Structures are given as C-alpha cells and as structure tokens.
Amino acid sequence: MQKGKKVWAIACSTVAPGCSMPAKGLADAGKALGWKVTIADGKLDPSVYNAQIRAAAAAKADALVLFGIDCAPVKGAIEAAQKSGTKVFAANALDCDDKYAAGRGKALFDGELVWGPDNTDYATFTDTCVGPGQADWVIAKTEGKANIIQLRQDDSAGTRHIGESAHKRFEDCGGCTVTTVSYTGADLAAGKLQGKVSAALQKAPKANVVTVPVDAAISLGVASAVQQARAGGREILLVGQEGVPASVKLVKSGVQSFALGRPWRWTGWATADGVNRMFAGEKAVDAGFGFGSMDADHRPKADVYDGNDPSAPYVGNYKRIWGVS
C-alpha cells in the first residue's frame, strides 16, 4: 500500500454521475489508503478540464485521475503535469492514440483502468459491450422493427465509441431505421437536449425508440421530451446505458425503459487500486465488473446499482489486498 499520496480526481462534471460517482468512490477508497484526495469539477468544459489538470500539478499532486475526460483536448496540460512530476491515470477515458482522438498522437497516460480479463482497454470495452449491449436490447424488444432516434455525442472519443458501436449493430438489423441527432457536451450542460429531441420526434412521427450515450442526457432534457410525446399517445422506448441512481428511479417508475447498469462506485474503488499499483510500479488488474441490466421485467431492487452478488463485498476485498482494516 502506497500511503501518504496526494491524488486529484477530475470528473468531467459533477452533474454527470458516470463521472462524479467513480470520483467519489476513489475519494472513499483514498481514505482507506491514507491518501488526500481532491475532487475537481470539469463542468463539461475542456477549458476547465485543462485548468483543473494544471491546478493538480501546481498543488504537487502525486497523481491525477481522469473520469470521462479524454486525452486529446487536454494533451498540453497532461504533458505539463507529467513534466512537473504528477502521474496521470485514466479511468473511463481514452488516450491520445485512440482512433477517434482529435489530432491523434502517441499515448500519454501513465496508467489506465482495466475493463476486462484480457487487459481490455476502455475503447474495446465500449465497442464490444456497451454500444452493442444497448442495441441488442432495442432489437430484441422491438423484434427487429425499431425506428430509432439515436443521440450522438461525438465531441468525446468515449461517447463516440458508444455511439458508433451501437450504430453498427443497428445496421445489422434489417428491419431497423436510425435517425441520428448530434449534440455536444456544451449542449448537455446548457440544457439544449429537450428541444433537440422534441424536434427530432416531430420530424420522425414513427420513431419508437430514443437512445442516449450517457444517462445524464436523460435527466437533463431527453426524458422530458419523450414524456411529452408519450402524453400525445406515442409509444416510445427510452434507452440509456449507465444505470446511475437517477436512471434506477426512472426505470422503476417506467419513464426510462432500459439501462445496462454499471457499478460506478465500484469503478472508483477499482481505480484507486489501479493507481495504488501504478505508484508501486505495477499494472492495473481486472476488477471483474459485470452489468446489472434493468428494464420493466428486471427492476433494480436497490436505489443504486453497485455490482452483482457475489462481487458485492468488493470494499472488504480491496482492504484485504491493501492490508488495511
């Protein structure tokens, strides 16, 4: 165990649970490891991402962790931080050598979370599990007759991987139709999604599915647009992927139709283990994540999805690995 470390957890936004929940999980794990962890809010703004990375370096952090922040838009800040002695670890983030990275270059991260038993990186995980998992449920639920409005956030490599891989699976469905609606992280933060989705639903009166790459989009406007259309008599499936607490509530109430269900607090603890190993000169290991898919026929029991039995006691497992009580 590497005690006494100063670590910054930089979340893409505190209003995006897929970023903020693992950041908080890392902070909780950091207490057990004897670290001082600072959570920083990126506000879904690349200029803020860069500022927070530089602030971490100025604070002489031993490491900073990126949650939902890809390398490409913060390349210069990462290089400056590393030059000052701060290591950079990626959780759910893509390196500068990713195929969708703007100005694709060499890999920069000092360490990355592993997303599968074969040292699976985040891009492979999203391409093989997340996007296709969304699409497979839609195709099965509609018996291959889905008319889909697919929201795409392609200004981030991570969300682009989800959108592209889902789209490719939809293309294999002979009876499916897809209409793409593009938005940016700035659109999400500014509350523009409700208007975009309402307009798309009006233009596609036969659409019976709306999918999003991140569940924050559902809470920040998409659900309202879909509910308005439903009030007018339309039957529409609303499909997410993360299964964050707000989505768990919406699935239970019938507003959201499906989520893959990902254990975000556990992701934070697994990240802490990866950072701890990085400090010791070791590579991260597979945490054994699974999915807790949720829909009307499989409603989540708890208010927060955080892993399936028998993997639920992960906190105790990590503490034993680290040699702390």
C-alpha atoms as a PDB file:
ATOM      1  CA  MET A   1       0.000   0.000   0.000  1.00  0.00           C
ATOM      2  CA  GLN A   2       1.325   3.421  -1.018  1.00  0.00           C
ATOM      3  CA  LYS A   3       0.398   5.716   1.896  1.00  0.00           C
ATOM      4  CA  GLY A   4       0.525   9.488   2.130  1.00  0.00           C
ATOM      5  CA  LYS A   5      -0.174  10.238  -1.528  1.00  0.00           C
ATOM      6  CA  LYS A   6      -1.913  13.344  -2.814  1.00  0.00           C
ATOM      7  CA  VAL A   7      -4.372  12.476  -5.605  1.00  0.00           C
ATOM      8  CA  TRP A   8      -6.748  14.625  -7.637  1.00  0.00           C
ATOM      9  CA  ALA A   9      -9.914  13.049  -9.073  1.00  0.00           C
ATOM     10  CA  ILE A  10     -11.030  15.195 -12.010  1.00  0.00           C
ATOM     11  CA  ALA A  11     -14.618  14.450 -13.035  1.00  0.00           C
ATOM     12  CA  CYS A  12     -15.971  15.577 -16.406  1.00  0.00           C
ATOM     13  CA  SER A  13     -18.816  17.134 -14.410  1.00  0.00           C
ATOM     14  CA  THR A  14     -20.467  16.774 -11.040  1.00  0.00           C
ATOM     15  CA  VAL A  15     -23.858  16.693 -12.841  1.00  0.00           C
ATOM     16  CA  ALA A  16     -22.767  13.634 -14.855  1.00  0.00           C
ATOM     17  CA  PRO A  17     -22.991  10.638 -12.479  1.00  0.00           C
ATOM     18  CA  GLY A  18     -20.848   8.469 -14.757  1.00  0.00           C
ATOM     19  CA  CYS A  19     -18.010  10.858 -13.871  1.00  0.00           C
ATOM     20  CA  SER A  20     -18.890  12.063 -10.381  1.00  0.00           C
ATOM     21  CA  MET A  21     -19.809   8.698  -8.817  1.00  0.00           C
ATOM     22  CA  PRO A  22     -16.481   6.970  -9.552  1.00  0.00           C
ATOM     23  CA  ALA A  23     -14.639  10.127  -8.475  1.00  0.00           C
ATOM     24  CA  LYS A  24     -16.423   9.917  -5.112  1.00  0.00           C
ATOM     25  CA  GLY A  25     -15.685   6.196  -4.963  1.00  0.00           C
ATOM     26  CA  LEU A  26     -11.999   6.967  -5.438  1.00  0.00           C
ATOM     27  CA  ALA A  27     -12.172   9.522  -2.637  1.00  0.00           C
ATOM     28  CA  ASP A  28     -13.732   6.946  -0.296  1.00  0.00           C
ATOM     29  CA  ALA A  29     -11.089   4.389  -1.217  1.00  0.00           C
ATOM     30  CA  GLY A  30      -8.389   7.004  -0.770  1.00  0.00           C
ATOM     31  CA  LYS A  31      -9.323   7.369   2.890  1.00  0.00           C
ATOM     32  CA  ALA A  32      -8.643   3.672   3.407  1.00  0.00           C
ATOM     33  CA  LEU A  33      -5.308   4.026   1.610  1.00  0.00           C
ATOM     34  CA  GLY A  34      -4.235   7.039   3.655  1.00  0.00           C
ATOM     35  CA  TRP A  35      -4.368   9.442   0.704  1.00  0.00           C
ATOM     36  CA  LYS A  36      -5.516  13.038   0.464  1.00  0.00           C
ATOM     37  CA  VAL A  37      -7.982  13.062  -2.443  1.00  0.00           C
ATOM     38  CA  THR A  38      -9.309  16.247  -4.043  1.00  0.00           C
ATOM     39  CA  ILE A  39     -12.372  16.023  -6.315  1.00  0.00           C
ATOM     40  CA  ALA A  40     -12.390  18.627  -9.097  1.00  0.00           C
ATOM     41  CA  ASP A  41     -15.378  19.542 -11.298  1.00  0.00           C
ATOM     42  CA  GLY A  42     -14.674  19.775 -15.033  1.00  0.00           C
ATOM     43  CA  LYS A  43     -18.077  21.364 -15.749  1.00  0.00           C
ATOM     44  CA  LEU A  44     -18.252  19.610 -19.156  1.00  0.00           C
ATOM     45  CA  ASP A  45     -15.883  22.294 -20.439  1.00  0.00           C
ATOM     46  CA  PRO A  46     -12.483  21.439 -21.992  1.00  0.00           C
ATOM     47  CA  SER A  47     -11.043  24.756 -20.826  1.00  0.00           C
ATOM     48  CA  VAL A  48     -11.962  23.818 -17.254  1.00  0.00           C
ATOM     49  CA  TYR A  49     -10.514  20.315 -17.728  1.00  0.00           C
ATOM     50  CA  ASN A  50      -7.195  21.881 -18.671  1.00  0.00           C
ATOM     51  CA  ALA A  51      -7.317  24.324 -15.774  1.00  0.00           C
ATOM     52  CA  GLN A  52      -8.032  21.552 -13.262  1.00  0.00           C
ATOM     53  CA  ILE A  53      -5.168  19.408 -14.552  1.00  0.00           C
ATOM     54  CA  ARG A  54      -2.789  22.355 -14.245  1.00  0.00           C
ATOM     55  CA  ALA A  55      -4.160  23.071 -10.759  1.00  0.00           C
ATOM     56  CA  ALA A  56      -3.449  19.479  -9.725  1.00  0.00           C
ATOM     57  CA  ALA A  57       0.123  19.815 -10.938  1.00  0.00           C
ATOM     58  CA  ALA A  58       0.512  23.171  -9.181  1.00  0.00           C
ATOM     59  CA  ALA A  59      -0.720  21.521  -5.970  1.00  0.00           C
ATOM     60  CA  LYS A  60       2.076  18.964  -6.426  1.00  0.00           C
ATOM     61  CA  ALA A  61      -0.331  16.050  -6.677  1.00  0.00           C
ATOM     62  CA  ASP A  62       1.389  12.686  -6.910  1.00  0.00           C
ATOM     63  CA  ALA A  63      -1.258  11.634  -9.421  1.00  0.00           C
ATOM     64  CA  LEU A  64      -4.403  12.888 -11.080  1.00  0.00           C
ATOM     65  CA  VAL A  65      -7.204  10.665 -12.344  1.00  0.00           C
ATOM     66  CA  LEU A  66      -9.421  11.464 -15.325  1.00  0.00           C
ATOM     67  CA  PHE A  67     -13.077  10.419 -15.224  1.00  0.00           C
ATOM     68  CA  GLY A  68     -14.818  10.935 -18.565  1.00  0.00           C
ATOM     69  CA  ILE A  69     -12.074  13.272 -19.813  1.00  0.00           C
ATOM     70  CA  ASP A  70     -10.146  12.060 -22.848  1.00  0.00           C
ATOM     71  CA  CYS A  71      -6.510  12.850 -23.507  1.00  0.00           C
ATOM     72  CA  ALA A  72      -6.837  14.765 -26.793  1.00  0.00           C
ATOM     73  CA  PRO A  73      -8.458  18.002 -25.543  1.00  0.00           C
ATOM     74  CA  VAL A  74      -6.065  18.208 -22.580  1.00  0.00           C
ATOM     75  CA  LYS A  75      -2.851  16.959 -24.190  1.00  0.00           C
ATOM     76  CA  GLY A  76      -0.763  20.020 -23.344  1.00  0.00           C
ATOM     77  CA  ALA A  77      -1.931  20.112 -19.739  1.00  0.00           C
ATOM     78  CA  ILE A  78      -1.183  16.398 -19.312  1.00  0.00           C
ATOM     79  CA  GLU A  79       2.340  16.802 -20.671  1.00  0.00           C
ATOM     80  CA  ALA A  80       2.951  19.777 -18.385  1.00  0.00           C
ATOM     81  CA  ALA A  81       1.646  17.872 -15.363  1.00  0.00           C
ATOM     82  CA  GLN A  82       3.834  14.877 -16.116  1.00  0.00           C
ATOM     83  CA  LYS A  83       6.857  17.121 -16.567  1.00  0.00           C
ATOM     84  CA  SER A  84       6.229  18.531 -13.086  1.00  0.00           C
ATOM     85  CA  GLY A  85       6.110  15.025 -11.593  1.00  0.00           C
ATOM     86  CA  THR A  86       2.363  14.315 -11.485  1.00  0.00           C
ATOM     87  CA  LYS A  87       1.343  10.952 -12.915  1.00  0.00           C
ATOM     88  CA  VAL A  88      -1.841  10.718 -15.000  1.00  0.00           C
ATOM     89  CA  PHE A  89      -4.219   7.764 -14.664  1.00  0.00           C
ATOM     90  CA  ALA A  90      -7.316   7.194 -16.810  1.00  0.00           C
ATOM     91  CA  ALA A  91     -10.498   5.527 -15.604  1.00  0.00           C
ATOM     92  CA  ASN A  92     -13.295   5.814 -18.192  1.00  0.00           C
ATOM     93  CA  ALA A  93     -11.210   7.880 -20.591  1.00  0.00           C
ATOM     94  CA  LEU A  94      -9.374   7.426 -23.911  1.00  0.00           C
ATOM     95  CA  ASP A  95      -5.702   8.146 -24.571  1.00  0.00           C
ATOM     96  CA  CYS A  96      -4.294  10.411 -27.285  1.00  0.00           C
ATOM     97  CA  ASP A  97      -3.618   7.429 -29.569  1.00  0.00           C
ATOM     98  CA  ASP A  98      -7.309   6.453 -29.741  1.00  0.00           C
ATOM     99  CA  LYS A  99      -8.697   6.244 -33.274  1.00  0.00           C
ATOM    100  CA  TYR A 100     -11.261   8.953 -32.507  1.00  0.00           C
ATOM    101  CA  ALA A 101      -8.836  11.305 -30.755  1.00  0.00           C
ATOM    102  CA  ALA A 102      -8.630  14.737 -32.357  1.00  0.00           C
ATOM    103  CA  GLY A 103      -5.104  15.213 -33.714  1.00  0.00           C
ATOM    104  CA  ARG A 104      -4.295  11.596 -32.946  1.00  0.00           C
ATOM    105  CA  GLY A 105      -0.819  11.177 -31.476  1.00  0.00           C
ATOM    106  CA  LYS A 106       1.121   8.989 -29.066  1.00  0.00           C
ATOM    107  CA  ALA A 107      -0.304   7.533 -25.861  1.00  0.00           C
ATOM    108  CA  LEU A 108       0.397   9.675 -22.786  1.00  0.00           C
ATOM    109  CA  PHE A 109      -1.335   8.109 -19.785  1.00  0.00           C
ATOM    110  CA  ASP A 110       0.905   6.661 -17.076  1.00  0.00           C
ATOM    111  CA  GLY A 111      -1.757   4.120 -16.158  1.00  0.00           C
ATOM    112  CA  GLU A 112      -5.263   3.004 -17.106  1.00  0.00           C
ATOM    113  CA  LEU A 113      -8.097   1.070 -15.535  1.00  0.00           C
ATOM    114  CA  VAL A 114      -8.517  -2.433 -16.959  1.00  0.00           C
ATOM    115  CA  TRP A 115     -12.031  -3.255 -18.174  1.00  0.00           C
ATOM    116  CA  GLY A 116     -11.824  -6.998 -18.771  1.00  0.00           C
ATOM    117  CA  PRO A 117      -9.896 -10.211 -18.123  1.00  0.00           C
ATOM    118  CA  ASP A 118      -7.679  -9.795 -21.195  1.00  0.00           C
ATOM    119  CA  ASN A 119      -6.330  -6.370 -20.176  1.00  0.00           C
ATOM    120  CA  THR A 120      -9.257  -4.815 -22.013  1.00  0.00           C
ATOM    121  CA  ASP A 121      -8.924  -1.077 -22.553  1.00  0.00           C
ATOM    122  CA  TYR A 122     -11.872   1.302 -22.343  1.00  0.00           C
ATOM    123  CA  ALA A 123     -12.298   1.622 -26.109  1.00  0.00           C
ATOM    124  CA  THR A 124     -12.567  -2.142 -26.549  1.00  0.00           C
ATOM    125  CA  PHE A 125     -14.978  -2.373 -23.625  1.00  0.00           C
ATOM    126  CA  THR A 126     -17.325   0.241 -25.076  1.00  0.00           C
ATOM    127  CA  ASP A 127     -17.047  -1.202 -28.593  1.00  0.00           C
ATOM    128  CA  THR A 128     -17.788  -4.790 -27.597  1.00  0.00           C
ATOM    129  CA  CYS A 129     -20.056  -4.424 -24.559  1.00  0.00           C
ATOM    130  CA  VAL A 130     -21.657  -1.021 -24.089  1.00  0.00           C
ATOM    131  CA  GLY A 131     -22.840   0.115 -27.524  1.00  0.00           C
ATOM    132  CA  PRO A 132     -23.797  -3.378 -28.743  1.00  0.00           C
ATOM    133  CA  GLY A 133     -25.462  -4.108 -25.392  1.00  0.00           C
ATOM    134  CA  GLN A 134     -27.760  -1.129 -25.853  1.00  0.00           C
ATOM    135  CA  ALA A 135     -28.540  -2.055 -29.439  1.00  0.00           C
ATOM    136  CA  ASP A 136     -29.173  -5.729 -28.728  1.00  0.00           C
ATOM    137  CA  TRP A 137     -31.838  -4.899 -26.151  1.00  0.00           C
ATOM    138  CA  VAL A 138     -33.574  -2.497 -28.548  1.00  0.00           C
ATOM    139  CA  ILE A 139     -33.550  -5.007 -31.398  1.00  0.00           C
ATOM    140  CA  ALA A 140     -34.870  -7.799 -29.192  1.00  0.00           C
ATOM    141  CA  LYS A 141     -37.545  -5.640 -27.538  1.00  0.00           C
ATOM    142  CA  THR A 142     -38.898  -4.375 -30.867  1.00  0.00           C
ATOM    143  CA  GLU A 143     -38.498  -7.762 -32.574  1.00  0.00           C
ATOM    144  CA  GLY A 144     -36.183  -6.157 -35.100  1.00  0.00           C
ATOM    145  CA  LYS A 145     -38.583  -3.356 -36.043  1.00  0.00           C
ATOM    146  CA  ALA A 146     -37.051  -0.387 -34.265  1.00  0.00           C
ATOM    147  CA  ASN A 147     -37.351   3.143 -35.619  1.00  0.00           C
ATOM    148  CA  ILE A 148     -34.600   4.774 -33.603  1.00  0.00           C
ATOM    149  CA  ILE A 149     -33.620   8.322 -32.784  1.00  0.00           C
ATOM    150  CA  GLN A 150     -30.018   7.887 -31.700  1.00  0.00           C
ATOM    151  CA  LEU A 151     -28.467  10.771 -29.801  1.00  0.00           C
ATOM    152  CA  ARG A 152     -24.757  11.031 -30.571  1.00  0.00           C
ATOM    153  CA  GLN A 153     -22.122  12.955 -28.624  1.00  0.00           C
ATOM    154  CA  ASP A 154     -19.124  12.707 -30.919  1.00  0.00           C
ATOM    155  CA  ASP A 155     -17.082  15.549 -29.413  1.00  0.00           C
ATOM    156  CA  SER A 156     -15.775  12.982 -26.903  1.00  0.00           C
ATOM    157  CA  ALA A 157     -13.914   9.859 -28.010  1.00  0.00           C
ATOM    158  CA  GLY A 158     -15.519   7.816 -25.237  1.00  0.00           C
ATOM    159  CA  THR A 159     -19.107   8.655 -26.154  1.00  0.00           C
ATOM    160  CA  ARG A 160     -18.283   8.384 -29.851  1.00  0.00           C
ATOM    161  CA  HIS A 161     -17.172   4.787 -29.320  1.00  0.00           C
ATOM    162  CA  ILE A 162     -20.524   4.030 -27.681  1.00  0.00           C
ATOM    163  CA  GLY A 163     -22.488   5.702 -30.468  1.00  0.00           C
ATOM    164  CA  GLU A 164     -20.510   4.172 -33.332  1.00  0.00           C
ATOM    165  CA  SER A 165     -20.621   0.627 -31.949  1.00  0.00           C
ATOM    166  CA  ALA A 166     -24.366   0.827 -31.277  1.00  0.00           C
ATOM    167  CA  HIS A 167     -24.965   2.259 -34.750  1.00  0.00           C
ATOM    168  CA  LYS A 168     -23.033  -0.566 -36.387  1.00  0.00           C
ATOM    169  CA  ARG A 169     -25.174  -3.120 -34.547  1.00  0.00           C
ATOM    170  CA  PHE A 170     -28.350  -1.325 -35.668  1.00  0.00           C
ATOM    171  CA  GLU A 171     -27.103  -1.504 -39.263  1.00  0.00           C
ATOM    172  CA  ASP A 172     -27.145  -5.302 -38.962  1.00  0.00           C
ATOM    173  CA  CYS A 173     -30.867  -5.144 -38.153  1.00  0.00           C
ATOM    174  CA  GLY A 174     -32.662  -5.330 -41.491  1.00  0.00           C
ATOM    175  CA  GLY A 175     -35.950  -4.007 -40.117  1.00  0.00           C
ATOM    176  CA  CYS A 176     -34.469  -1.116 -38.145  1.00  0.00           C
ATOM    177  CA  THR A 177     -34.246   2.559 -39.095  1.00  0.00           C
ATOM    178  CA  VAL A 178     -31.914   5.062 -37.433  1.00  0.00           C
ATOM    179  CA  THR A 179     -32.101   8.858 -37.317  1.00  0.00           C
ATOM    180  CA  THR A 180     -29.026  10.469 -35.766  1.00  0.00           C
ATOM    181  CA  VAL A 181     -29.272  13.587 -33.606  1.00  0.00           C
ATOM    182  CA  SER A 182     -25.906  15.122 -32.718  1.00  0.00           C
ATOM    183  CA  TYR A 183     -25.159  17.141 -29.602  1.00  0.00           C
ATOM    184  CA  THR A 184     -22.084  18.319 -27.708  1.00  0.00           C
ATOM    185  CA  GLY A 185     -21.065  18.355 -24.089  1.00  0.00           C
ATOM    186  CA  ALA A 186     -21.796  22.085 -24.113  1.00  0.00           C
ATOM    187  CA  ASP A 187     -25.336  21.380 -25.362  1.00  0.00           C
ATOM    188  CA  LEU A 188     -25.824  18.947 -22.494  1.00  0.00           C
ATOM    189  CA  ALA A 189     -24.623  21.456 -19.907  1.00  0.00           C
ATOM    190  CA  ALA A 190     -26.734  24.256 -21.413  1.00  0.00           C
ATOM    191  CA  GLY A 191     -29.978  22.255 -21.320  1.00  0.00           C
ATOM    192  CA  LYS A 192     -30.485  22.122 -25.087  1.00  0.00           C
ATOM    193  CA  LEU A 193     -31.337  18.431 -25.389  1.00  0.00           C
ATOM    194  CA  GLN A 194     -35.067  18.652 -24.700  1.00  0.00           C
ATOM    195  CA  GLY A 195     -35.563  20.953 -27.673  1.00  0.00           C
ATOM    196  CA  LYS A 196     -33.383  18.830 -29.938  1.00  0.00           C
ATOM    197  CA  VAL A 197     -35.223  15.616 -29.083  1.00  0.00           C
ATOM    198  CA  SER A 198     -38.683  17.190 -29.315  1.00  0.00           C
ATOM    199  CA  ALA A 199     -37.845  18.482 -32.788  1.00  0.00           C
ATOM    200  CA  ALA A 200     -36.486  15.090 -33.850  1.00  0.00           C
ATOM    201  CA  LEU A 201     -39.613  13.297 -32.616  1.00  0.00           C
ATOM    202  CA  GLN A 202     -41.800  15.699 -34.574  1.00  0.00           C
ATOM    203  CA  LYS A 203     -39.785  15.075 -37.741  1.00  0.00           C
ATOM    204  CA  ALA A 204     -39.881  11.295 -37.210  1.00  0.00           C
ATOM    205  CA  PRO A 205     -43.506  10.541 -36.242  1.00  0.00           C
ATOM    206  CA  LYS A 206     -42.947   6.777 -36.498  1.00  0.00           C
ATOM    207  CA  ALA A 207     -39.920   6.706 -34.185  1.00  0.00           C
ATOM    208  CA  ASN A 208     -40.473   4.279 -31.324  1.00  0.00           C
ATOM    209  CA  VAL A 209     -37.036   4.329 -29.651  1.00  0.00           C
ATOM    210  CA  VAL A 210     -34.743   7.061 -28.308  1.00  0.00           C
ATOM    211  CA  THR A 211     -31.219   6.084 -27.239  1.00  0.00           C
ATOM    212  CA  VAL A 212     -28.561   8.140 -25.456  1.00  0.00           C
ATOM    213  CA  PRO A 213     -24.812   7.512 -24.958  1.00  0.00           C
ATOM    214  CA  VAL A 214     -24.833   8.766 -21.347  1.00  0.00           C
ATOM    215  CA  ASP A 215     -27.675   8.688 -18.833  1.00  0.00           C
ATOM    216  CA  ALA A 216     -27.116  12.298 -17.773  1.00  0.00           C
ATOM    217  CA  ALA A 217     -28.742  13.215 -21.088  1.00  0.00           C
ATOM    218  CA  ILE A 218     -31.961  11.549 -19.939  1.00  0.00           C
ATOM    219  CA  SER A 219     -32.168  13.585 -16.743  1.00  0.00           C
ATOM    220  CA  LEU A 220     -31.084  16.787 -18.499  1.00  0.00           C
ATOM    221  CA  GLY A 221     -33.890  17.056 -21.039  1.00  0.00           C
ATOM    222  CA  VAL A 222     -34.372  13.863 -23.029  1.00  0.00           C
ATOM    223  CA  ALA A 223     -36.838  12.287 -20.589  1.00  0.00           C
ATOM    224  CA  SER A 224     -38.991  15.429 -20.644  1.00  0.00           C
ATOM    225  CA  ALA A 225     -39.149  15.398 -24.444  1.00  0.00           C
ATOM    226  CA  VAL A 226     -40.057  11.712 -24.555  1.00  0.00           C
ATOM    227  CA  GLN A 227     -42.697  12.101 -21.852  1.00  0.00           C
ATOM    228  CA  GLN A 228     -44.305  14.943 -23.811  1.00  0.00           C
ATOM    229  CA  ALA A 229     -44.525  12.709 -26.874  1.00  0.00           C
ATOM    230  CA  ARG A 230     -45.936   9.863 -24.804  1.00  0.00           C
ATOM    231  CA  ALA A 231     -48.584  12.196 -23.409  1.00  0.00           C
ATOM    232  CA  GLY A 232     -49.687  12.707 -27.002  1.00  0.00           C
ATOM    233  CA  GLY A 233     -50.268   8.983 -27.407  1.00  0.00           C
ATOM    234  CA  ARG A 234     -46.939   7.749 -28.759  1.00  0.00           C
ATOM    235  CA  GLU A 235     -45.252   4.593 -27.508  1.00  0.00           C
ATOM    236  CA  ILE A 236     -41.524   5.247 -27.205  1.00  0.00           C
ATOM    237  CA  LEU A 237     -38.742   3.260 -25.557  1.00  0.00           C
ATOM    238  CA  LEU A 238     -36.167   5.435 -23.763  1.00  0.00           C
ATOM    239  CA  VAL A 239     -32.829   3.648 -23.626  1.00  0.00           C
ATOM    240  CA  GLY A 240     -29.739   4.572 -21.600  1.00  0.00           C
ATOM    241  CA  GLN A 241     -26.676   2.593 -20.578  1.00  0.00           C
ATOM    242  CA  GLU A 242     -25.079   3.638 -17.296  1.00  0.00           C
ATOM    243  CA  GLY A 243     -27.813   2.836 -14.786  1.00  0.00           C
ATOM    244  CA  VAL A 244     -26.949   5.727 -12.463  1.00  0.00           C
ATOM    245  CA  PRO A 245     -29.233   6.420  -9.451  1.00  0.00           C
ATOM    246  CA  ALA A 246     -31.469   8.845 -11.374  1.00  0.00           C
ATOM    247  CA  SER A 247     -31.910   6.193 -14.059  1.00  0.00           C
ATOM    248  CA  VAL A 248     -32.672   3.497 -11.494  1.00  0.00           C
ATOM    249  CA  LYS A 249     -35.507   5.694 -10.237  1.00  0.00           C
ATOM    250  CA  LEU A 250     -36.745   6.345 -13.785  1.00  0.00           C
ATOM    251  CA  VAL A 251     -36.665   2.650 -14.674  1.00  0.00           C
ATOM    252  CA  LYS A 252     -38.665   1.841 -11.556  1.00  0.00           C
ATOM    253  CA  SER A 253     -41.253   4.486 -12.492  1.00  0.00           C
ATOM    254  CA  GLY A 254     -41.422   3.383 -16.123  1.00  0.00           C
ATOM    255  CA  VAL A 255     -40.024   6.586 -17.631  1.00  0.00           C
ATOM    256  CA  GLN A 256     -36.719   5.024 -18.716  1.00  0.00           C
ATOM    257  CA  SER A 257     -37.097   1.687 -20.481  1.00  0.00           C
ATOM    258  CA  PHE A 258     -33.616   0.196 -20.165  1.00  0.00           C
ATOM    259  CA  ALA A 259     -30.096   0.644 -18.831  1.00  0.00           C
ATOM    260  CA  LEU A 260     -27.157  -1.732 -18.952  1.00  0.00           C
ATOM    261  CA  GLY A 261     -26.294  -0.957 -15.329  1.00  0.00           C
ATOM    262  CA  ARG A 262     -22.668  -0.249 -14.488  1.00  0.00           C
ATOM    263  CA  PRO A 263     -21.198  -0.236 -10.933  1.00  0.00           C
ATOM    264  CA  TRP A 264     -19.874   3.288 -10.733  1.00  0.00           C
ATOM    265  CA  ARG A 265     -18.848   3.471  -7.075  1.00  0.00           C
ATOM    266  CA  TRP A 266     -17.013   0.180  -7.520  1.00  0.00           C
ATOM    267  CA  THR A 267     -15.318   1.732 -10.555  1.00  0.00           C
ATOM    268  CA  GLY A 268     -13.880   4.367  -8.226  1.00  0.00           C
ATOM    269  CA  TRP A 269     -12.503   1.738  -5.837  1.00  0.00           C
ATOM    270  CA  ALA A 270     -11.039  -0.241  -8.738  1.00  0.00           C
ATOM    271  CA  THR A 271      -9.421   2.959  -9.974  1.00  0.00           C
ATOM    272  CA  ALA A 272      -7.867   3.530  -6.554  1.00  0.00           C
ATOM    273  CA  ASP A 273      -6.444   0.018  -6.698  1.00  0.00           C
ATOM    274  CA  GLY A 274      -5.041   0.746 -10.159  1.00  0.00           C
ATOM    275  CA  VAL A 275      -3.451   4.000  -9.012  1.00  0.00           C
ATOM    276  CA  ASN A 276      -2.007   2.265  -5.949  1.00  0.00           C
ATOM    277  CA  ARG A 277      -0.443  -0.358  -8.221  1.00  0.00           C
ATOM    278  CA  MET A 278       0.864   2.373 -10.538  1.00  0.00           C
ATOM    279  CA  PHE A 279       2.638   4.013  -7.589  1.00  0.00           C
ATOM    280  CA  ALA A 280       4.231   0.624  -6.853  1.00  0.00           C
ATOM    281  CA  GLY A 281       5.392   0.213 -10.457  1.00  0.00           C
ATOM    282  CA  GLU A 282       2.759  -2.412 -11.273  1.00  0.00           C
ATOM    283  CA  LYS A 283      -0.033  -2.575 -13.854  1.00  0.00           C
ATOM    284  CA  ALA A 284      -3.742  -2.442 -13.047  1.00  0.00           C
ATOM    285  CA  VAL A 285      -5.670  -5.718 -12.917  1.00  0.00           C
ATOM    286  CA  ASP A 286      -9.191  -6.644 -13.997  1.00  0.00           C
ATOM    287  CA  ALA A 287     -11.748  -5.750 -11.317  1.00  0.00           C
ATOM    288  CA  GLY A 288     -14.314  -8.250 -12.565  1.00  0.00           C
ATOM    289  CA  PHE A 289     -17.037  -5.740 -13.432  1.00  0.00           C
ATOM    290  CA  GLY A 290     -20.348  -7.045 -14.725  1.00  0.00           C
ATOM    291  CA  PHE A 291     -23.612  -5.473 -15.821  1.00  0.00           C
ATOM    292  CA  GLY A 292     -26.881  -5.222 -13.912  1.00  0.00           C
ATOM    293  CA  SER A 293     -29.269  -4.748 -16.834  1.00  0.00           C
ATOM    294  CA  MET A 294     -32.556  -3.179 -15.799  1.00  0.00           C
ATOM    295  CA  ASP A 295     -35.929  -2.818 -17.509  1.00  0.00           C
ATOM    296  CA  ALA A 296     -39.634  -3.259 -16.696  1.00  0.00           C
ATOM    297  CA  ASP A 297     -39.198  -7.014 -16.293  1.00  0.00           C
ATOM    298  CA  HIS A 298     -35.986  -6.717 -14.290  1.00  0.00           C
ATOM    299  CA  ARG A 299     -36.437  -3.753 -11.994  1.00  0.00           C
ATOM    300  CA  PRO A 300     -33.492  -2.968  -9.712  1.00  0.00           C
ATOM    301  CA  LYS A 301     -34.094  -3.774  -6.061  1.00  0.00           C
ATOM    302  CA  ALA A 302     -31.945  -1.023  -4.579  1.00  0.00           C
ATOM    303  CA  ASP A 303     -31.789   2.686  -5.389  1.00  0.00           C
ATOM    304  CA  VAL A 304     -28.174   2.405  -6.558  1.00  0.00           C
ATOM    305  CA  TYR A 305     -26.694  -0.371  -8.691  1.00  0.00           C
ATOM    306  CA  ASP A 306     -23.206  -1.224  -7.461  1.00  0.00           C
ATOM    307  CA  GLY A 307     -22.405  -4.751  -8.579  1.00  0.00           C
ATOM    308  CA  ASN A 308     -23.912  -8.210  -8.621  1.00  0.00           C
ATOM    309  CA  ASP A 309     -23.554 -10.885  -5.957  1.00  0.00           C
ATOM    310  CA  PRO A 310     -21.129 -12.444  -5.177  1.00  0.00           C
ATOM    311  CA  SER A 311     -18.962  -9.457  -6.161  1.00  0.00           C
ATOM    312  CA  ALA A 312     -20.826  -7.068  -3.833  1.00  0.00           C
ATOM    313  CA  PRO A 313     -18.267  -7.174  -0.956  1.00  0.00           C
ATOM    314  CA  TYR A 314     -15.584  -5.522  -3.097  1.00  0.00           C
ATOM    315  CA  VAL A 315     -14.742  -2.933  -0.424  1.00  0.00           C
ATOM    316  CA  GLY A 316     -13.636  -5.624   2.002  1.00  0.00           C
ATOM    317  CA  ASN A 317     -11.739  -7.404  -0.763  1.00  0.00           C
ATOM    318  CA  TYR A 318      -9.759  -4.285  -1.637  1.00  0.00           C
ATOM    319  CA  LYS A 319      -8.989  -3.552   2.001  1.00  0.00           C
ATOM    320  CA  ARG A 320      -7.624  -7.071   2.411  1.00  0.00           C
ATOM    321  CA  ILE A 321      -5.489  -6.634  -0.713  1.00  0.00           C
ATOM    322  CA  TRP A 322      -4.177  -3.334   0.641  1.00  0.00           C
ATOM    323  CA  GLY A 323      -3.617  -4.706   4.126  1.00  0.00           C
ATOM    324  CA  VAL A 324      -5.920  -2.260   5.906  1.00  0.00           C
ATOM    325  CA  SER A 325      -8.859  -2.940   8.212  1.00  0.00           C
END
